[in-house]
Amino acid sequence: MSYLRMDFATAKETIGILAELYPNTFTRERWQSHKPLKVGTDRDLIESGALTEPEVRSVLWHYCGRYQYFIGVANGGARYDLNGQPCGEVTADEQERARIGAAHVEAIVENQFRAARPTQRPGAKANTTADPRNIRAIGSRQKTAASLIL
C-alpha cells in the first residue's frame, strides 16, 4: 500500500496543530530542539483521532526528517509519549542512524548554499589582489599605498 506525502506547507501547518495539542512533545519551529518520540507515536496519534493513518505517516516523515529531530535522537536519552512523559530510551543504533541523518541534512543545506552563492560573471577579471602570495599584486598594493601617503 502506498501513501502520498503531504506537501511541505500542509505538513508544517499540521505539525503546528500537533504542537498546540501536544506542547510537551511536538515543537512547531524547525530550529528549536526536538524530543525523540516514543516508538508507536504513530499508533497513538491514530487512536487519539488527531490524524488518519496516511496523515500520520506523512507528518511524521516531515517531523522526524528535521535536522533538530536527528540531533535530539543522536544525543540519546529518553523517548517521549504524547503527554511529554519519558517512555523508553534511544538505542545506540538509533543514535548512529540519527548522526548519519543529520550529516545528510547538513550536506543538503551546504549544497543549497553553494548553489545559491553568486559566481564570477563571465568575462570579469579575477581579483588578483585577493591572494597575498601573488607577488605582482603585493607590489601594486605597495605602490598604491605609497601614492596615498605622498
C-alpha atoms as a PDB file:
ATOM      1  CA  MET A   1       0.000   0.000   0.000  1.00  0.00           C
ATOM      2  CA  SER A   2       1.477   3.366  -0.964  1.00  0.00           C
ATOM      3  CA  TYR A   3       0.887   6.629   0.803  1.00  0.00           C
ATOM      4  CA  LEU A   4       1.009  10.099  -0.664  1.00  0.00           C
ATOM      5  CA  ARG A   5       3.120  12.567   1.248  1.00  0.00           C
ATOM      6  CA  MET A   6       1.518  15.870   2.092  1.00  0.00           C
ATOM      7  CA  ASP A   7       3.217  18.967   0.744  1.00  0.00           C
ATOM      8  CA  PHE A   8       5.591  20.961   2.933  1.00  0.00           C
ATOM      9  CA  ALA A   9       3.113  23.755   3.741  1.00  0.00           C
ATOM     10  CA  THR A  10       0.392  21.307   4.828  1.00  0.00           C
ATOM     11  CA  ALA A  11       2.878  19.298   6.899  1.00  0.00           C
ATOM     12  CA  LYS A  12       4.136  22.484   8.573  1.00  0.00           C
ATOM     13  CA  GLU A  13       0.574  23.507   9.411  1.00  0.00           C
ATOM     14  CA  THR A  14      -0.237  20.018  10.749  1.00  0.00           C
ATOM     15  CA  ILE A  15       2.922  19.993  12.885  1.00  0.00           C
ATOM     16  CA  GLY A  16       1.808  23.353  14.299  1.00  0.00           C
ATOM     17  CA  ILE A  17      -1.538  21.842  15.254  1.00  0.00           C
ATOM     18  CA  LEU A  18       0.201  18.864  16.884  1.00  0.00           C
ATOM     19  CA  ALA A  19       2.428  21.299  18.805  1.00  0.00           C
ATOM     20  CA  GLU A  20      -0.723  23.003  20.133  1.00  0.00           C
ATOM     21  CA  LEU A  21      -2.401  19.694  21.017  1.00  0.00           C
ATOM     22  CA  TYR A  22       0.753  18.124  22.497  1.00  0.00           C
ATOM     23  CA  PRO A  23       3.046  21.015  23.542  1.00  0.00           C
ATOM     24  CA  ASN A  24       5.211  18.790  25.759  1.00  0.00           C
ATOM     25  CA  THR A  25       6.073  16.520  22.838  1.00  0.00           C
ATOM     26  CA  PHE A  26       5.977  18.353  19.496  1.00  0.00           C
ATOM     27  CA  THR A  27       7.829  21.507  18.506  1.00  0.00           C
ATOM     28  CA  ARG A  28       6.410  23.859  15.888  1.00  0.00           C
ATOM     29  CA  GLU A  29       9.668  25.559  14.895  1.00  0.00           C
ATOM     30  CA  ARG A  30      12.292  23.646  12.921  1.00  0.00           C
ATOM     31  CA  TRP A  31      15.179  25.398  14.695  1.00  0.00           C
ATOM     32  CA  GLN A  32      14.072  24.555  18.254  1.00  0.00           C
ATOM     33  CA  SER A  33      15.285  21.404  19.972  1.00  0.00           C
ATOM     34  CA  HIS A  34      13.120  18.314  19.410  1.00  0.00           C
ATOM     35  CA  LYS A  35      12.460  15.431  21.783  1.00  0.00           C
ATOM     36  CA  PRO A  36      12.740  11.886  20.437  1.00  0.00           C
ATOM     37  CA  LEU A  37       9.245  10.445  20.022  1.00  0.00           C
ATOM     38  CA  LYS A  38       8.295   7.157  21.598  1.00  0.00           C
ATOM     39  CA  VAL A  39       8.158   4.134  19.323  1.00  0.00           C
ATOM     40  CA  GLY A  40       4.464   3.785  18.479  1.00  0.00           C
ATOM     41  CA  THR A  41       3.630   7.502  18.463  1.00  0.00           C
ATOM     42  CA  ASP A  42       2.031   6.934  15.067  1.00  0.00           C
ATOM     43  CA  ARG A  43      -0.473   4.468  16.556  1.00  0.00           C
ATOM     44  CA  ASP A  44      -1.150   6.807  19.497  1.00  0.00           C
ATOM     45  CA  LEU A  45      -1.981   9.677  17.117  1.00  0.00           C
ATOM     46  CA  ILE A  46      -4.325   7.464  15.087  1.00  0.00           C
ATOM     47  CA  GLU A  47      -6.043   6.108  18.222  1.00  0.00           C
ATOM     48  CA  SER A  48      -6.481   9.636  19.601  1.00  0.00           C
ATOM     49  CA  GLY A  49      -8.313  10.586  16.411  1.00  0.00           C
ATOM     50  CA  ALA A  50      -5.972  13.515  15.798  1.00  0.00           C
ATOM     51  CA  LEU A  51      -4.920  12.227  12.359  1.00  0.00           C
ATOM     52  CA  THR A  52      -5.653   9.446   9.908  1.00  0.00           C
ATOM     53  CA  GLU A  53      -3.031   6.810   9.092  1.00  0.00           C
ATOM     54  CA  PRO A  54      -1.890   8.450   5.825  1.00  0.00           C
ATOM     55  CA  GLU A  55      -1.694  11.837   7.562  1.00  0.00           C
ATOM     56  CA  VAL A  56       0.312  10.393  10.445  1.00  0.00           C
ATOM     57  CA  ARG A  57       2.786   8.698   8.113  1.00  0.00           C
ATOM     58  CA  SER A  58       3.305  11.872   6.139  1.00  0.00           C
ATOM     59  CA  VAL A  59       3.520  14.341   9.011  1.00  0.00           C
ATOM     60  CA  LEU A  60       5.918  12.114  10.975  1.00  0.00           C
ATOM     61  CA  TRP A  61       8.038  11.706   7.840  1.00  0.00           C
ATOM     62  CA  HIS A  62       8.367  15.504   7.735  1.00  0.00           C
ATOM     63  CA  TYR A  63       8.808  15.943  11.500  1.00  0.00           C
ATOM     64  CA  CYS A  64      11.325  13.151  12.023  1.00  0.00           C
ATOM     65  CA  GLY A  65      13.297  14.314   8.989  1.00  0.00           C
ATOM     66  CA  ARG A  66      14.076  17.659  10.609  1.00  0.00           C
ATOM     67  CA  TYR A  67      17.689  18.370  11.475  1.00  0.00           C
ATOM     68  CA  GLN A  68      16.845  19.160  15.124  1.00  0.00           C
ATOM     69  CA  TYR A  69      14.960  15.876  15.467  1.00  0.00           C
ATOM     70  CA  PHE A  70      18.017  13.991  14.200  1.00  0.00           C
ATOM     71  CA  ILE A  71      20.148  15.892  16.729  1.00  0.00           C
ATOM     72  CA  GLY A  72      17.708  15.074  19.538  1.00  0.00           C
ATOM     73  CA  VAL A  73      17.873  11.362  18.741  1.00  0.00           C
ATOM     74  CA  ALA A  74      21.649  11.448  18.173  1.00  0.00           C
ATOM     75  CA  ASN A  75      22.094  12.875  21.687  1.00  0.00           C
ATOM     76  CA  GLY A  76      20.362   9.794  23.097  1.00  0.00           C
ATOM     77  CA  GLY A  77      18.366   9.620  26.298  1.00  0.00           C
ATOM     78  CA  ALA A  78      14.646   9.184  26.782  1.00  0.00           C
ATOM     79  CA  ARG A  79      11.906   8.993  24.189  1.00  0.00           C
ATOM     80  CA  TYR A  80       8.659  10.805  24.970  1.00  0.00           C
ATOM     81  CA  ASP A  81       4.967   9.955  24.645  1.00  0.00           C
ATOM     82  CA  LEU A  82       2.213  12.387  23.619  1.00  0.00           C
ATOM     83  CA  ASN A  83       1.978  13.746  27.186  1.00  0.00           C
ATOM     84  CA  GLY A  84       5.689  14.538  27.282  1.00  0.00           C
ATOM     85  CA  GLN A  85       6.440  11.718  29.699  1.00  0.00           C
ATOM     86  CA  PRO A  86       9.609   9.612  29.254  1.00  0.00           C
ATOM     87  CA  CYS A  87       8.713   6.315  27.617  1.00  0.00           C
ATOM     88  CA  GLY A  88      11.672   4.212  26.517  1.00  0.00           C
ATOM     89  CA  GLU A  89      15.241   5.030  25.547  1.00  0.00           C
ATOM     90  CA  VAL A  90      17.045   5.810  22.307  1.00  0.00           C
ATOM     91  CA  THR A  91      19.306   2.863  21.380  1.00  0.00           C
ATOM     92  CA  ALA A  92      22.928   3.178  20.248  1.00  0.00           C
ATOM     93  CA  ASP A  93      21.911   2.005  16.757  1.00  0.00           C
ATOM     94  CA  GLU A  94      19.218   4.709  16.570  1.00  0.00           C
ATOM     95  CA  GLN A  95      21.760   7.304  17.696  1.00  0.00           C
ATOM     96  CA  GLU A  96      24.146   6.272  14.913  1.00  0.00           C
ATOM     97  CA  ARG A  97      21.401   6.382  12.270  1.00  0.00           C
ATOM     98  CA  ALA A  98      20.397   9.840  13.541  1.00  0.00           C
ATOM     99  CA  ARG A  99      24.005  11.061  13.228  1.00  0.00           C
ATOM    100  CA  ILE A 100      24.017   9.846   9.626  1.00  0.00           C
ATOM    101  CA  GLY A 101      20.661  11.562   9.014  1.00  0.00           C
ATOM    102  CA  ALA A 102      21.933  14.834  10.498  1.00  0.00           C
ATOM    103  CA  ALA A 103      25.050  14.662   8.307  1.00  0.00           C
ATOM    104  CA  HIS A 104      22.818  14.072   5.276  1.00  0.00           C
ATOM    105  CA  VAL A 105      20.718  17.152   6.080  1.00  0.00           C
ATOM    106  CA  GLU A 106      23.903  19.209   6.611  1.00  0.00           C
ATOM    107  CA  ALA A 107      25.178  18.105   3.182  1.00  0.00           C
ATOM    108  CA  ILE A 108      21.893  19.074   1.523  1.00  0.00           C
ATOM    109  CA  VAL A 109      21.972  22.523   3.146  1.00  0.00           C
ATOM    110  CA  GLU A 110      25.621  23.004   2.158  1.00  0.00           C
ATOM    111  CA  ASN A 111      24.834  22.088  -1.462  1.00  0.00           C
ATOM    112  CA  GLN A 112      21.899  24.514  -1.498  1.00  0.00           C
ATOM    113  CA  PHE A 113      24.139  27.221  -0.042  1.00  0.00           C
ATOM    114  CA  ARG A 114      26.794  26.618  -2.695  1.00  0.00           C
ATOM    115  CA  ALA A 115      24.203  26.687  -5.469  1.00  0.00           C
ATOM    116  CA  ALA A 116      22.803  29.994  -4.196  1.00  0.00           C
ATOM    117  CA  ARG A 117      26.231  31.649  -3.886  1.00  0.00           C
ATOM    118  CA  PRO A 118      26.884  34.086  -6.729  1.00  0.00           C
ATOM    119  CA  THR A 119      29.610  33.029  -9.117  1.00  0.00           C
ATOM    120  CA  GLN A 120      32.025  35.230 -11.019  1.00  0.00           C
ATOM    121  CA  ARG A 121      30.448  36.858 -14.058  1.00  0.00           C
ATOM    122  CA  PRO A 122      31.688  35.525 -17.382  1.00  0.00           C
ATOM    123  CA  GLY A 123      34.386  37.787 -18.816  1.00  0.00           C
ATOM    124  CA  ALA A 124      35.097  39.506 -15.479  1.00  0.00           C
ATOM    125  CA  LYS A 125      38.733  39.763 -14.408  1.00  0.00           C
ATOM    126  CA  ALA A 126      39.799  37.659 -11.491  1.00  0.00           C
ATOM    127  CA  ASN A 127      40.686  39.549  -8.322  1.00  0.00           C
ATOM    128  CA  THR A 128      44.486  39.210  -8.222  1.00  0.00           C
ATOM    129  CA  THR A 129      44.818  41.257  -5.030  1.00  0.00           C
ATOM    130  CA  ALA A 130      42.853  38.707  -3.002  1.00  0.00           C
ATOM    131  CA  ASP A 131      45.790  36.277  -2.720  1.00  0.00           C
ATOM    132  CA  PRO A 132      48.607  37.793  -0.643  1.00  0.00           C
ATOM    133  CA  ARG A 133      51.041  35.248  -2.151  1.00  0.00           C
ATOM    134  CA  ASN A 134      50.657  36.896  -5.569  1.00  0.00           C
ATOM    135  CA  ILE A 135      53.884  38.905  -5.909  1.00  0.00           C
ATOM    136  CA  ARG A 136      52.571  41.252  -8.600  1.00  0.00           C
ATOM    137  CA  ALA A 137      49.512  42.035  -6.505  1.00  0.00           C
ATOM    138  CA  ILE A 138      51.644  42.762  -3.439  1.00  0.00           C
ATOM    139  CA  GLY A 139      53.874  45.127  -5.442  1.00  0.00           C
ATOM    140  CA  SER A 140      50.883  47.030  -6.831  1.00  0.00           C
ATOM    141  CA  ARG A 141      49.359  47.333  -3.345  1.00  0.00           C
ATOM    142  CA  GLN A 142      52.640  48.773  -2.043  1.00  0.00           C
ATOM    143  CA  LYS A 143      52.735  51.285  -4.907  1.00  0.00           C
ATOM    144  CA  THR A 144      49.134  52.231  -4.246  1.00  0.00           C
ATOM    145  CA  ALA A 145      49.752  52.637  -0.516  1.00  0.00           C
ATOM    146  CA  ALA A 146      52.863  54.727  -1.175  1.00  0.00           C
ATOM    147  CA  SER A 147      50.961  57.047  -3.515  1.00  0.00           C
ATOM    148  CA  LEU A 148      48.320  57.591  -0.841  1.00  0.00           C
ATOM    149  CA  ILE A 149      50.928  58.557   1.733  1.00  0.00           C
ATOM    150  CA  LEU A 150      52.700  61.050  -0.581  1.00  0.00           C
END
